[in-house]
C-alpha cells in the first residue's frame, strides 16, 4: 500500500522524481487555508514551477488530461464526491457536475497524493509529498513542519476507531488528534539485512484489527503489532513470507491478508500463514492494493499480472486481455455504486460487475 505502488525496480527512481518535483511548485489556482488557518488566495508572487516529466504517460482515461501519470489513490466521500490523488498532479475532484484539479495552497501544484481517508465528521484527509491536507467541505488546511510534522513526505495514513489519525513519514510515525502531532515510537529491532527502499523509520500501511490491535507495515522491516502496550515483531523468522511488506487488510472473516514486494500474497489466521504465490495458486511476487468489496470478494494487484479476485474459493485473474488498461495497477477502489475502479500505469479502468472496461464507458465524465 505503499498503497498504489509501482514496480520495485522503478520505485527509487519515482521517489526521486517526487522529491525533485516537491521543490518546484506553482501558485494555487483556488483559495485555500494553510496550517495556521490563513486564507490562501490566487494573488501574489508566482513561485518558479517546472512540471515533472511523466514516467508513465496516460494513454487511456486520464480525467480530461488532468493526469499525466497514474492515479495513486481514489476515494468517494459520503457526499458522493469522487477524489483522485495523482502521482504528480495533486488532487482532482468530481462533484457530480464539474471535474477539476483543486490546489489546496500556494506553491502546491505538482505533488503526489498517496493516501485519501475520510473521518466520521466527513472531513477528507490527504497524505501527500507536501504534508497532511484536510478538506472540511469548504476549505483546505495544510499541515506541515510549521505544525510539528517533522517530515512532510507522507506514505502511510490511517484513522482508527477513536478518530485518531496515524501518519507514516520518512521520519517516523506521528499521531494527530486534530490539533497537534505527537511522535509514536516504534521498537528499534531490525531484521537481518533489512532492505529499506526509503527509510528504516517509515510505516507504509496501518491497520487496526477487530480486536483493536494496531499493525504497522514497515519499510523492509516486517510488521510490528501493538496491543496493550506491547509490541510483537513479525518477520520471515517467525512465518512472515517476506520482510518487505507492501499492503495489509483484514477481511470480514477475520483473516489478515498480507501483500509483499518479493514474497507474493499470503493469508494469516490464528498464527498460521498460507502463501498463495509460493503454492502456485497465483502468479506475481509483488502484490498489494488489497480491497474487500461489499460482496466479500478480496481484490489485489500483482505487478505485471493484472489483478486477482478471490471469492472465498477461487482466484480469478483479470489482465489487459480482459479490459484492463495496463497490467500495472496502482490502486483498487469500490465506489458507492459497487463499481470497482482500477488506476493503472496507463489510465483508469472500471469493473461494473460483469466486465472490465475503460472507465469512460461507464462514467463519461472521466474522459
Foldseek 3Di string as FASTA:
>chain_A
DLFQAFAPVCRLVLVVLQVVQLVFFWFFPQWAAEQVRDIAHRDDDTTGHDQGDEPQAAPFQDLVPLARWWFQEWDQFPQGKIWTWHSFAGIWIDNPPDIDRGARHTRGGTWTWSYWDAFPQRWIWTQIQQAIWIDNPPHIYGDHVVQPPVGSRWSEWDQDPVRWIWTWHQVAIWIDPPRHTDGDDDDPDADPPFDASRHQRGFNYWDQFPVRWIWTQGRRGAIWIDDPHDIDGDAVVQADQGSAWDEWDQFPVGWIWTFGNARGIWIDDPSHIDRCPVVPQDDANGKYQWDQFPQRWIKIAHAQQAMWIHNPDHIDGDAVVQADPHSAWRHWDADPQRKIWTIGRHAIWIDPPPGIHRVCVVPVSSD
